[in-house]
Amino acid sequence: VSIIFSGRGFYITGRAVALDNAGINQTIRIRLATGQRLTAR
């Protein structure tokens, strides 16, 4: 999936693997190519 990192003064896109199913406004776990795991909404 495509992911977005955003904050004050920056906006970065990337790719990751979804570790859960997700619907609108739900939070899921994702895994980056580096192996790092994050959460995204």
Full PDB file with SEQRES, HELIX, SHEET, SSBOND, CRYST1, ORIGX, SCALE, CONECT and MASTER records, all heavy atoms in Angstrom:
SEQRES   1 A   41  VAL SER ILE ILE PHE SER GLY ARG GLY PHE TYR ILE THR          
SEQRES   2 A   41  GLY ARG ALA VAL ALA LEU ASP ASN ALA GLY ILE ASN GLN          
SEQRES   3 A   41  THR ILE ARG ILE ARG LEU ALA THR GLY GLN ARG LEU THR          
SEQRES   4 A   41  ALA ARG                                                      
SHEET    1 AA1 2 SER A   2  GLY A   7  0                                        
SHEET    2 AA1 2 PHE A  10  ARG A  15 -1                                        
SHEET    1 AA2 3 VAL A  17  ALA A  18  0                                        
SHEET    2 AA2 3 ILE A  28  ARG A  31 -1                                        
SHEET    3 AA2 3 ARG A  37  ALA A  40 -1                                        
CRYST1    1.000    1.000    1.000  90.00  90.00  90.00 P 1           1          
ORIGX1      1.000000  0.000000  0.000000        0.00000                         
ORIGX2      0.000000  1.000000  0.000000        0.00000                         
ORIGX3      0.000000  0.000000  1.000000        0.00000                         
SCALE1      1.000000  0.000000  0.000000        0.00000                         
SCALE2      0.000000  1.000000  0.000000        0.00000                         
SCALE3      0.000000  0.000000  1.000000        0.00000                         
ATOM      1  N   VAL A   1       0.840  -1.201   0.000  1.00  0.00           N  
ATOM      2  CA  VAL A   1       0.000   0.000   0.000  1.00  0.00           C  
ATOM      3  C   VAL A   1       0.879   1.257   0.000  1.00  0.00           C  
ATOM      4  O   VAL A   1       2.046   1.224   0.410  1.00  0.00           O  
ATOM      5  CB  VAL A   1      -0.923   0.017   1.230  1.00  0.00           C  
ATOM      6  CG1 VAL A   1      -1.935  -1.104   1.158  1.00  0.00           C  
ATOM      7  CG2 VAL A   1      -0.116  -0.075   2.523  1.00  0.00           C  
ATOM      8  N   SER A   2       0.288   2.337  -0.463  1.00  0.00           N  
ATOM      9  CA  SER A   2       0.953   3.640  -0.401  1.00  0.00           C  
ATOM     10  C   SER A   2       0.674   4.258   0.961  1.00  0.00           C  
ATOM     11  O   SER A   2      -0.443   4.156   1.489  1.00  0.00           O  
ATOM     12  CB  SER A   2       0.423   4.564  -1.501  1.00  0.00           C  
ATOM     13  OG  SER A   2       0.714   4.032  -2.772  1.00  0.00           O  
ATOM     14  N   ILE A   3       1.678   4.906   1.524  1.00  0.00           N  
ATOM     15  CA  ILE A   3       1.531   5.535   2.838  1.00  0.00           C  
ATOM     16  C   ILE A   3       2.000   6.976   2.766  1.00  0.00           C  
ATOM     17  O   ILE A   3       2.739   7.358   1.847  1.00  0.00           O  
ATOM     18  CB  ILE A   3       2.322   4.772   3.918  1.00  0.00           C  
ATOM     19  CG1 ILE A   3       3.808   4.703   3.558  1.00  0.00           C  
ATOM     20  CG2 ILE A   3       1.750   3.372   4.121  1.00  0.00           C  
ATOM     21  CD1 ILE A   3       4.669   4.093   4.647  1.00  0.00           C  
ATOM     22  N   ILE A   4       1.553   7.755   3.721  1.00  0.00           N  
ATOM     23  CA  ILE A   4       1.899   9.174   3.772  1.00  0.00           C  
ATOM     24  C   ILE A   4       2.421   9.527   5.156  1.00  0.00           C  
ATOM     25  O   ILE A   4       1.774   9.220   6.170  1.00  0.00           O  
ATOM     26  CB  ILE A   4       0.675  10.050   3.435  1.00  0.00           C  
ATOM     27  CG1 ILE A   4       0.198   9.785   2.001  1.00  0.00           C  
ATOM     28  CG2 ILE A   4       0.994  11.532   3.631  1.00  0.00           C  
ATOM     29  CD1 ILE A   4      -1.098  10.481   1.661  1.00  0.00           C  
ATOM     30  N   PHE A   5       3.595  10.148   5.202  1.00  0.00           N  
ATOM     31  CA  PHE A   5       4.116  10.759   6.419  1.00  0.00           C  
ATOM     32  C   PHE A   5       3.902  12.260   6.273  1.00  0.00           C  
ATOM     33  O   PHE A   5       4.380  12.863   5.300  1.00  0.00           O  
ATOM     34  CB  PHE A   5       5.614  10.488   6.588  1.00  0.00           C  
ATOM     35  CG  PHE A   5       5.985   9.042   6.734  1.00  0.00           C  
ATOM     36  CD1 PHE A   5       6.174   8.247   5.615  1.00  0.00           C  
ATOM     37  CD2 PHE A   5       6.147   8.473   7.988  1.00  0.00           C  
ATOM     38  CE1 PHE A   5       6.533   6.909   5.738  1.00  0.00           C  
ATOM     39  CE2 PHE A   5       6.509   7.137   8.116  1.00  0.00           C  
ATOM     40  CZ  PHE A   5       6.698   6.347   6.994  1.00  0.00           C  
ATOM     41  N   SER A   6       3.211  12.876   7.195  1.00  0.00           N  
ATOM     42  CA  SER A   6       2.990  14.314   7.080  1.00  0.00           C  
ATOM     43  C   SER A   6       3.128  14.975   8.441  1.00  0.00           C  
ATOM     44  O   SER A   6       2.928  14.352   9.488  1.00  0.00           O  
ATOM     45  CB  SER A   6       1.606  14.612   6.487  1.00  0.00           C  
ATOM     46  OG  SER A   6       0.581  14.154   7.348  1.00  0.00           O  
ATOM     47  N   GLY A   7       3.458  16.226   8.411  1.00  0.00           N  
ATOM     48  CA  GLY A   7       3.635  17.003   9.630  1.00  0.00           C  
ATOM     49  C   GLY A   7       3.861  18.452   9.262  1.00  0.00           C  
ATOM     50  O   GLY A   7       3.691  18.854   8.110  1.00  0.00           O  
ATOM     51  N   ARG A   8       4.267  19.240  10.226  1.00  0.00           N  
ATOM     52  CA  ARG A   8       4.501  20.652   9.968  1.00  0.00           C  
ATOM     53  C   ARG A   8       5.721  20.821   9.055  1.00  0.00           C  
ATOM     54  O   ARG A   8       6.846  20.520   9.422  1.00  0.00           O  
ATOM     55  CB  ARG A   8       4.731  21.402  11.275  1.00  0.00           C  
ATOM     56  CG  ARG A   8       4.954  22.896  11.109  1.00  0.00           C  
ATOM     57  CD  ARG A   8       5.054  23.613  12.431  1.00  0.00           C  
ATOM     58  NE  ARG A   8       3.805  23.517  13.193  1.00  0.00           N  
ATOM     59  CZ  ARG A   8       3.637  24.059  14.404  1.00  0.00           C  
ATOM     60  NH1 ARG A   8       4.649  24.686  14.987  1.00  0.00           N  
ATOM     61  NH2 ARG A   8       2.475  23.940  15.018  1.00  0.00           N  
ATOM     62  N   GLY A   9       5.446  21.274   7.859  1.00  0.00           N  
ATOM     63  CA  GLY A   9       6.543  21.578   6.940  1.00  0.00           C  
ATOM     64  C   GLY A   9       7.035  20.407   6.114  1.00  0.00           C  
ATOM     65  O   GLY A   9       8.000  20.550   5.354  1.00  0.00           O  
ATOM     66  N   PHE A  10       6.410  19.226   6.217  1.00  0.00           N  
ATOM     67  CA  PHE A  10       6.871  18.119   5.369  1.00  0.00           C  
ATOM     68  C   PHE A  10       5.713  17.210   4.981  1.00  0.00           C  
ATOM     69  O   PHE A  10       4.691  17.125   5.664  1.00  0.00           O  
ATOM     70  CB  PHE A  10       7.971  17.307   6.065  1.00  0.00           C  
ATOM     71  CG  PHE A  10       7.496  16.479   7.223  1.00  0.00           C  
ATOM     72  CD1 PHE A  10       7.068  15.171   7.047  1.00  0.00           C  
ATOM     73  CD2 PHE A  10       7.489  17.009   8.512  1.00  0.00           C  
ATOM     74  CE1 PHE A  10       6.638  14.403   8.109  1.00  0.00           C  
ATOM     75  CE2 PHE A  10       7.048  16.244   9.584  1.00  0.00           C  
ATOM     76  CZ  PHE A  10       6.625  14.944   9.391  1.00  0.00           C  
ATOM     77  N   TYR A  11       5.901  16.537   3.854  1.00  0.00           N  
ATOM     78  CA  TYR A  11       4.899  15.597   3.316  1.00  0.00           C  
ATOM     79  C   TYR A  11       5.668  14.579   2.495  1.00  0.00           C  
ATOM     80  O   TYR A  11       6.242  14.894   1.456  1.00  0.00           O  
ATOM     81  CB  TYR A  11       3.893  16.361   2.450  1.00  0.00           C  
ATOM     82  CG  TYR A  11       2.792  15.515   1.857  1.00  0.00           C  
ATOM     83  CD1 TYR A  11       1.566  15.389   2.480  1.00  0.00           C  
ATOM     84  CD2 TYR A  11       2.978  14.845   0.644  1.00  0.00           C  
ATOM     85  CE1 TYR A  11       0.549  14.625   1.926  1.00  0.00           C  
ATOM     86  CE2 TYR A  11       1.971  14.074   0.080  1.00  0.00           C  
ATOM     87  CZ  TYR A  11       0.761  13.966   0.725  1.00  0.00           C  
ATOM     88  OH  TYR A  11      -0.241  13.217   0.164  1.00  0.00           O  
ATOM     89  N   ILE A  12       5.710  13.315   2.989  1.00  0.00           N  
ATOM     90  CA  ILE A  12       6.520  12.279   2.353  1.00  0.00           C  
ATOM     91  C   ILE A  12       5.633  11.069   2.065  1.00  0.00           C  
ATOM     92  O   ILE A  12       4.826  10.661   2.907  1.00  0.00           O  
ATOM     93  CB  ILE A  12       7.698  11.855   3.256  1.00  0.00           C  
ATOM     94  CG1 ILE A  12       8.565  13.073   3.614  1.00  0.00           C  
ATOM     95  CG2 ILE A  12       8.537  10.772   2.590  1.00  0.00           C  
ATOM     96  CD1 ILE A  12       9.609  12.779   4.663  1.00  0.00           C  
ATOM     97  N   THR A  13       5.771  10.521   0.884  1.00  0.00           N  
ATOM     98  CA  THR A  13       5.028   9.309   0.535  1.00  0.00           C  
ATOM     99  C   THR A  13       5.972   8.112   0.497  1.00  0.00           C  
ATOM    100  O   THR A  13       7.192   8.263   0.341  1.00  0.00           O  
ATOM    101  CB  THR A  13       4.336   9.452  -0.830  1.00  0.00           C  
ATOM    102  OG1 THR A  13       5.319   9.671  -1.837  1.00  0.00           O  
ATOM    103  CG2 THR A  13       3.359  10.613  -0.813  1.00  0.00           C  
ATOM    104  N   GLY A  14       5.413   6.937   0.643  1.00  0.00           N  
ATOM    105  CA  GLY A  14       6.228   5.726   0.606  1.00  0.00           C  
ATOM    106  C   GLY A  14       5.361   4.508   0.365  1.00  0.00           C  
ATOM    107  O   GLY A  14       4.176   4.612   0.048  1.00  0.00           O  
ATOM    108  N   ARG A  15       5.963   3.341   0.547  1.00  0.00           N  
ATOM    109  CA  ARG A  15       5.265   2.072   0.344  1.00  0.00           C  
ATOM    110  C   ARG A  15       5.477   1.183   1.559  1.00  0.00           C  
ATOM    111  O   ARG A  15       6.497   1.265   2.246  1.00  0.00           O  
ATOM    112  CB  ARG A  15       5.778   1.370  -0.908  1.00  0.00           C  
ATOM    113  CG  ARG A  15       5.717   2.190  -2.173  1.00  0.00           C  
ATOM    114  CD  ARG A  15       4.327   2.262  -2.766  1.00  0.00           C  
ATOM    115  NE  ARG A  15       3.947   1.011  -3.418  1.00  0.00           N  
ATOM    116  CZ  ARG A  15       2.746   0.795  -3.940  1.00  0.00           C  
ATOM    117  NH1 ARG A  15       1.794   1.729  -3.857  1.00  0.00           N  
ATOM    118  NH2 ARG A  15       2.465  -0.353  -4.542  1.00  0.00           N  
ATOM    119  N   ALA A  16       4.476   0.342   1.826  1.00  0.00           N  
ATOM    120  CA  ALA A  16       4.573  -0.581   2.960  1.00  0.00           C  
ATOM    121  C   ALA A  16       3.642  -1.753   2.713  1.00  0.00           C  
ATOM    122  O   ALA A  16       2.831  -1.743   1.775  1.00  0.00           O  
ATOM    123  CB  ALA A  16       4.211   0.136   4.264  1.00  0.00           C  
ATOM    124  N   VAL A  17       3.757  -2.763   3.560  1.00  0.00           N  
ATOM    125  CA  VAL A  17       2.888  -3.942   3.485  1.00  0.00           C  
ATOM    126  C   VAL A  17       1.872  -3.857   4.622  1.00  0.00           C  
ATOM    127  O   VAL A  17       2.230  -3.621   5.785  1.00  0.00           O  
ATOM    128  CB  VAL A  17       3.697  -5.239   3.595  1.00  0.00           C  
ATOM    129  CG1 VAL A  17       2.765  -6.457   3.650  1.00  0.00           C  
ATOM    130  CG2 VAL A  17       4.669  -5.364   2.429  1.00  0.00           C  
ATOM    131  N   ALA A  18       0.591  -4.016   4.294  1.00  0.00           N  
ATOM    132  CA  ALA A  18      -0.461  -4.001   5.305  1.00  0.00           C  
ATOM    133  C   ALA A  18      -0.445  -5.306   6.099  1.00  0.00           C  
ATOM    134  O   ALA A  18      -0.435  -6.391   5.519  1.00  0.00           O  
ATOM    135  CB  ALA A  18      -1.818  -3.800   4.644  1.00  0.00           C  
ATOM    136  N   LEU A  19      -0.442  -5.189   7.421  1.00  0.00           N  
ATOM    137  CA  LEU A  19      -0.444  -6.369   8.280  1.00  0.00           C  
ATOM    138  C   LEU A  19      -1.840  -6.709   8.793  1.00  0.00           C  
ATOM    139  O   LEU A  19      -2.018  -7.705   9.497  1.00  0.00           O  
ATOM    140  CB  LEU A  19       0.505  -6.150   9.464  1.00  0.00           C  
ATOM    141  CG  LEU A  19       1.967  -5.874   9.095  1.00  0.00           C  
ATOM    142  CD1 LEU A  19       2.791  -5.653  10.343  1.00  0.00           C  
ATOM    143  CD2 LEU A  19       2.535  -7.014   8.261  1.00  0.00           C  
ATOM    144  N   ASP A  20      -2.819  -5.868   8.458  1.00  0.00           N  
ATOM    145  CA  ASP A  20      -4.210  -6.090   8.881  1.00  0.00           C  
ATOM    146  C   ASP A  20      -5.155  -5.705   7.742  1.00  0.00           C  
ATOM    147  O   ASP A  20      -4.754  -5.018   6.798  1.00  0.00           O  
ATOM    148  CB  ASP A  20      -4.562  -5.236  10.118  1.00  0.00           C  
ATOM    149  CG  ASP A  20      -3.608  -5.451  11.264  1.00  0.00           C  
ATOM    150  OD1 ASP A  20      -3.562  -6.572  11.793  1.00  0.00           O  
ATOM    151  OD2 ASP A  20      -2.910  -4.480  11.636  1.00  0.00           O  
ATOM    152  N   ASN A  21      -6.399  -6.136   7.859  1.00  0.00           N  
ATOM    153  CA  ASN A  21      -7.458  -5.601   7.018  1.00  0.00           C  
ATOM    154  C   ASN A  21      -7.901  -4.256   7.584  1.00  0.00           C  
ATOM    155  O   ASN A  21      -7.787  -4.015   8.787  1.00  0.00           O  
ATOM    156  CB  ASN A  21      -8.663  -6.549   6.982  1.00  0.00           C  
ATOM    157  CG  ASN A  21      -8.314  -7.912   6.429  1.00  0.00           C  
ATOM    158  OD1 ASN A  21      -7.572  -8.024   5.449  1.00  0.00           O  
ATOM    159  ND2 ASN A  21      -8.829  -8.964   7.043  1.00  0.00           N  
ATOM    160  N   ALA A  22      -8.449  -3.390   6.730  1.00  0.00           N  
ATOM    161  CA  ALA A  22      -8.880  -2.087   7.226  1.00  0.00           C  
ATOM    162  C   ALA A  22     -10.006  -1.517   6.393  1.00  0.00           C  
ATOM    163  O   ALA A  22     -10.039  -1.660   5.166  1.00  0.00           O  
ATOM    164  CB  ALA A  22      -7.716  -1.098   7.242  1.00  0.00           C  
ATOM    165  N   GLY A  23     -10.945  -0.854   7.084  1.00  0.00           N  
ATOM    166  CA  GLY A  23     -11.991  -0.066   6.450  1.00  0.00           C  
ATOM    167  C   GLY A  23     -11.728   1.406   6.718  1.00  0.00           C  
ATOM    168  O   GLY A  23     -10.738   1.774   7.368  1.00  0.00           O  
ATOM    169  N   ILE A  24     -12.606   2.260   6.234  1.00  0.00           N  
ATOM    170  CA  ILE A  24     -12.452   3.701   6.393  1.00  0.00           C  
ATOM    171  C   ILE A  24     -12.392   4.079   7.875  1.00  0.00           C  
ATOM    172  O   ILE A  24     -13.149   3.572   8.698  1.00  0.00           O  
ATOM    173  CB  ILE A  24     -13.612   4.445   5.706  1.00  0.00           C  
ATOM    174  CG1 ILE A  24     -13.631   4.127   4.208  1.00  0.00           C  
ATOM    175  CG2 ILE A  24     -13.507   5.945   5.928  1.00  0.00           C  
ATOM    176  CD1 ILE A  24     -12.387   4.564   3.473  1.00  0.00           C  
ATOM    177  N   ASN A  25     -11.439   4.968   8.201  1.00  0.00           N  
ATOM    178  CA  ASN A  25     -11.251   5.496   9.557  1.00  0.00           C  
ATOM    179  C   ASN A  25     -10.791   4.441  10.565  1.00  0.00           C  
ATOM    180  O   ASN A  25     -10.932   4.636  11.772  1.00  0.00           O  
ATOM    181  CB  ASN A  25     -12.519   6.180  10.067  1.00  0.00           C  
ATOM    182  CG  ASN A  25     -12.851   7.446   9.292  1.00  0.00           C  
ATOM    183  OD1 ASN A  25     -11.958   8.188   8.890  1.00  0.00           O  
ATOM    184  ND2 ASN A  25     -14.129   7.693   9.077  1.00  0.00           N  
ATOM    185  N   GLN A  26     -10.232   3.362  10.068  1.00  0.00           N  
ATOM    186  CA  GLN A  26      -9.673   2.352  10.956  1.00  0.00           C  
ATOM    187  C   GLN A  26      -8.153   2.424  10.953  1.00  0.00           C  
ATOM    188  O   GLN A  26      -7.532   2.872   9.990  1.00  0.00           O  
ATOM    189  CB  GLN A  26     -10.143   0.955  10.542  1.00  0.00           C  
ATOM    190  CG  GLN A  26     -11.621   0.731  10.755  1.00  0.00           C  
ATOM    191  CD  GLN A  26     -12.056  -0.680  10.409  1.00  0.00           C  
ATOM    192  OE1 GLN A  26     -11.407  -1.380   9.639  1.00  0.00           O  
ATOM    193  NE2 GLN A  26     -13.169  -1.106  10.987  1.00  0.00           N  
ATOM    194  N   THR A  27      -7.550   1.967  12.040  1.00  0.00           N  
ATOM    195  CA  THR A  27      -6.098   1.960  12.192  1.00  0.00           C  
ATOM    196  C   THR A  27      -5.568   0.550  11.952  1.00  0.00           C  
ATOM    197  O   THR A  27      -6.154  -0.430  12.437  1.00  0.00           O  
ATOM    198  CB  THR A  27      -5.702   2.429  13.601  1.00  0.00           C  
ATOM    199  OG1 THR A  27      -6.160   3.776  13.787  1.00  0.00           O  
ATOM    200  CG2 THR A  27      -4.194   2.398  13.788  1.00  0.00           C  
ATOM    201  N   ILE A  28      -4.459   0.447  11.197  1.00  0.00           N  
ATOM    202  CA  ILE A  28      -3.850  -0.854  10.929  1.00  0.00           C  
ATOM    203  C   ILE A  28      -2.345  -0.788  11.166  1.00  0.00           C  
ATOM    204  O   ILE A  28      -1.749   0.292  11.230  1.00  0.00           O  
ATOM    205  CB  ILE A  28      -4.110  -1.330   9.485  1.00  0.00           C  
ATOM    206  CG1 ILE A  28      -3.436  -0.376   8.472  1.00  0.00           C  
ATOM    207  CG2 ILE A  28      -5.572  -1.468   9.210  1.00  0.00           C  
ATOM    208  CD1 ILE A  28      -3.412  -0.941   7.067  1.00  0.00           C  
ATOM    209  N   ARG A  29      -1.748  -1.954  11.284  1.00  0.00           N  
ATOM    210  CA  ARG A  29      -0.289  -2.054  11.362  1.00  0.00           C  
ATOM    211  C   ARG A  29       0.277  -2.200   9.950  1.00  0.00           C  
ATOM    212  O   ARG A  29      -0.329  -2.852   9.093  1.00  0.00           O  
ATOM    213  CB  ARG A  29       0.118  -3.251  12.216  1.00  0.00           C  
ATOM    214  CG  ARG A  29      -0.345  -3.187  13.664  1.00  0.00           C  
ATOM    215  CD  ARG A  29      -0.129  -4.520  14.354  1.00  0.00           C  
ATOM    216  NE  ARG A  29      -0.859  -5.585  13.664  1.00  0.00           N  
ATOM    217  CZ  ARG A  29      -0.471  -6.870  13.626  1.00  0.00           C  
ATOM    218  NH1 ARG A  29       0.655  -7.243  14.224  1.00  0.00           N  
ATOM    219  NH2 ARG A  29      -1.187  -7.771  12.988  1.00  0.00           N  
ATOM    220  N   ILE A  30       1.421  -1.591   9.720  1.00  0.00           N  
ATOM    221  CA  ILE A  30       2.097  -1.707   8.430  1.00  0.00           C  
ATOM    222  C   ILE A  30       3.571  -2.039   8.674  1.00  0.00           C  
ATOM    223  O   ILE A  30       4.108  -1.781   9.758  1.00  0.00           O  
ATOM    224  CB  ILE A  30       1.986  -0.410   7.604  1.00  0.00           C  
ATOM    225  CG1 ILE A  30       2.558   0.774   8.400  1.00  0.00           C  
ATOM    226  CG2 ILE A  30       0.544  -0.144   7.200  1.00  0.00           C  
ATOM    227  CD1 ILE A  30       2.634   2.059   7.604  1.00  0.00           C  
ATOM    228  N   ARG A  31       4.206  -2.627   7.646  1.00  0.00           N  
ATOM    229  CA  ARG A  31       5.626  -2.958   7.745  1.00  0.00           C  
ATOM    230  C   ARG A  31       6.359  -2.299   6.584  1.00  0.00           C  
ATOM    231  O   ARG A  31       6.012  -2.492   5.413  1.00  0.00           O  
ATOM    232  CB  ARG A  31       5.840  -4.470   7.720  1.00  0.00           C  
ATOM    233  CG  ARG A  31       7.314  -4.865   7.958  1.00  0.00           C  
ATOM    234  CD  ARG A  31       7.514  -6.374   7.966  1.00  0.00           C  
ATOM    235  NE  ARG A  31       7.240  -6.951   6.641  1.00  0.00           N  
ATOM    236  CZ  ARG A  31       6.279  -7.839   6.417  1.00  0.00           C  
ATOM    237  NH1 ARG A  31       5.484  -8.242   7.403  1.00  0.00           N  
ATOM    238  NH2 ARG A  31       6.093  -8.329   5.198  1.00  0.00           N  
ATOM    239  N   LEU A  32       7.385  -1.524   6.921  1.00  0.00           N  
ATOM    240  CA  LEU A  32       8.199  -0.870   5.899  1.00  0.00           C  
ATOM    241  C   LEU A  32       9.182  -1.868   5.300  1.00  0.00           C  
ATOM    242  O   LEU A  32       9.388  -2.963   5.835  1.00  0.00           O  
ATOM    243  CB  LEU A  32       8.943   0.317   6.503  1.00  0.00           C  
ATOM    244  CG  LEU A  32       8.110   1.393   7.214  1.00  0.00           C  
ATOM    245  CD1 LEU A  32       9.009   2.503   7.730  1.00  0.00           C  
ATOM    246  CD2 LEU A  32       7.026   1.939   6.304  1.00  0.00           C  
ATOM    247  N   ALA A  33       9.831  -1.471   4.202  1.00  0.00           N  
ATOM    248  CA  ALA A  33      10.831  -2.332   3.556  1.00  0.00           C  
ATOM    249  C   ALA A  33      11.998  -2.615   4.481  1.00  0.00           C  
ATOM    250  O   ALA A  33      12.668  -3.644   4.360  1.00  0.00           O  
ATOM    251  CB  ALA A  33      11.315  -1.675   2.265  1.00  0.00           C  
ATOM    252  N   THR A  34      12.253  -1.717   5.430  1.00  0.00           N  
ATOM    253  CA  THR A  34      13.353  -1.901   6.397  1.00  0.00           C  
ATOM    254  C   THR A  34      12.999  -2.901   7.493  1.00  0.00           C  
ATOM    255  O   THR A  34      13.841  -3.270   8.296  1.00  0.00           O  
ATOM    256  CB  THR A  34      13.690  -0.556   7.059  1.00  0.00           C  
ATOM    257  OG1 THR A  34      12.525  -0.076   7.753  1.00  0.00           O  
ATOM    258  CG2 THR A  34      14.127   0.469   6.028  1.00  0.00           C  
ATOM    259  N   GLY A  35      11.736  -3.320   7.529  1.00  0.00           N  
ATOM    260  CA  GLY A  35      11.268  -4.216   8.576  1.00  0.00           C  
ATOM    261  C   GLY A  35      10.613  -3.496   9.735  1.00  0.00           C  
ATOM    262  O   GLY A  35      10.008  -4.138  10.605  1.00  0.00           O  
ATOM    263  N   GLN A  36      10.722  -2.184   9.772  1.00  0.00           N  
ATOM    264  CA  GLN A  36      10.116  -1.418  10.852  1.00  0.00           C  
ATOM    265  C   GLN A  36       8.589  -1.478  10.770  1.00  0.00           C  
ATOM    266  O   GLN A  36       8.003  -1.397   9.688  1.00  0.00           O  
ATOM    267  CB  GLN A  36      10.573   0.043  10.787  1.00  0.00           C  
ATOM    268  CG  GLN A  36      10.044   0.908  11.923  1.00  0.00           C  
ATOM    269  CD  GLN A  36      10.500   2.355  11.822  1.00  0.00           C  
ATOM    270  OE1 GLN A  36      11.130   2.743  10.831  1.00  0.00           O  
ATOM    271  NE2 GLN A  36      10.199   3.149  12.829  1.00  0.00           N  
ATOM    272  N   ARG A  37       7.962  -1.613  11.921  1.00  0.00           N  
ATOM    273  CA  ARG A  37       6.499  -1.686  11.969  1.00  0.00           C  
ATOM    274  C   ARG A  37       5.940  -0.393  12.553  1.00  0.00           C  
ATOM    275  O   ARG A  37       6.421   0.114  13.563  1.00  0.00           O  
ATOM    276  CB  ARG A  37       6.041  -2.880  12.803  1.00  0.00           C  
ATOM    277  CG  ARG A  37       6.494  -4.208  12.202  1.00  0.00           C  
ATOM    278  CD  ARG A  37       5.814  -5.377  12.864  1.00  0.00           C  
ATOM    279  NE  ARG A  37       6.208  -6.641  12.254  1.00  0.00           N  
ATOM    280  CZ  ARG A  37       5.537  -7.777  12.386  1.00  0.00           C  
ATOM    281  NH1 ARG A  37       4.430  -7.808  13.107  1.00  0.00           N  
ATOM    282  NH2 ARG A  37       5.961  -8.877  11.788  1.00  0.00           N  
ATOM    283  N   LEU A  38       4.904   0.117  11.886  1.00  0.00           N  
ATOM    284  CA  LEU A  38       4.265   1.360  12.304  1.00  0.00           C  
ATOM    285  C   LEU A  38       2.752   1.159  12.254  1.00  0.00           C  
ATOM    286  O   LEU A  38       2.257   0.117  11.808  1.00  0.00           O  
ATOM    287  CB  LEU A  38       4.666   2.508  11.368  1.00  0.00           C  
ATOM    288  CG  LEU A  38       6.156   2.821  11.241  1.00  0.00           C  
ATOM    289  CD1 LEU A  38       6.386   3.841  10.126  1.00  0.00           C  
ATOM    290  CD2 LEU A  38       6.711   3.340  12.560  1.00  0.00           C  
ATOM    291  N   THR A  39       2.026   2.149  12.724  1.00  0.00           N  
ATOM    292  CA  THR A  39       0.570   2.147  12.592  1.00  0.00           C  
ATOM    293  C   THR A  39       0.148   3.308  11.703  1.00  0.00           C  
ATOM    294  O   THR A  39       0.807   4.355  11.666  1.00  0.00           O  
ATOM    295  CB  THR A  39      -0.139   2.269  13.962  1.00  0.00           C  
ATOM    296  OG1 THR A  39       0.279   3.487  14.606  1.00  0.00           O  
ATOM    297  CG2 THR A  39       0.188   1.090  14.842  1.00  0.00           C  
ATOM    298  N   ALA A  40      -0.941   3.113  10.980  1.00  0.00           N  
ATOM    299  CA  ALA A  40      -1.445   4.149  10.080  1.00  0.00           C  
ATOM    300  C   ALA A  40      -2.966   4.095  10.086  1.00  0.00           C  
ATOM    301  O   ALA A  40      -3.562   3.041  10.318  1.00  0.00           O  
ATOM    302  CB  ALA A  40      -0.909   3.941   8.670  1.00  0.00           C  
ATOM    303  N   ARG A  41      -3.591   5.238   9.827  1.00  0.00           N  
ATOM    304  CA  ARG A  41      -5.051   5.322   9.777  1.00  0.00           C  
ATOM    305  C   ARG A  41      -5.504   5.575   8.342  1.00  0.00           C  
ATOM    306  O   ARG A  41      -4.943   6.423   7.645  1.00  0.00           O  
ATOM    307  CB  ARG A  41      -5.563   6.431  10.698  1.00  0.00           C  
ATOM    308  CG  ARG A  41      -7.088   6.621  10.647  1.00  0.00           C  
ATOM    309  CD  ARG A  41      -7.563   7.604  11.691  1.00  0.00           C  
ATOM    310  NE  ARG A  41      -7.448   7.052  13.022  1.00  0.00           N  
ATOM    311  CZ  ARG A  41      -8.369   6.287  13.607  1.00  0.00           C  
ATOM    312  NH1 ARG A  41      -9.482   5.974  12.953  1.00  0.00           N  
ATOM    313  NH2 ARG A  41      -8.204   5.831  14.823  1.00  0.00           N  
TER     314      ARG A  41                                                      
MASTER        0    0    0    0    5    0    0    6  313    1    0    4          
END                                                                             
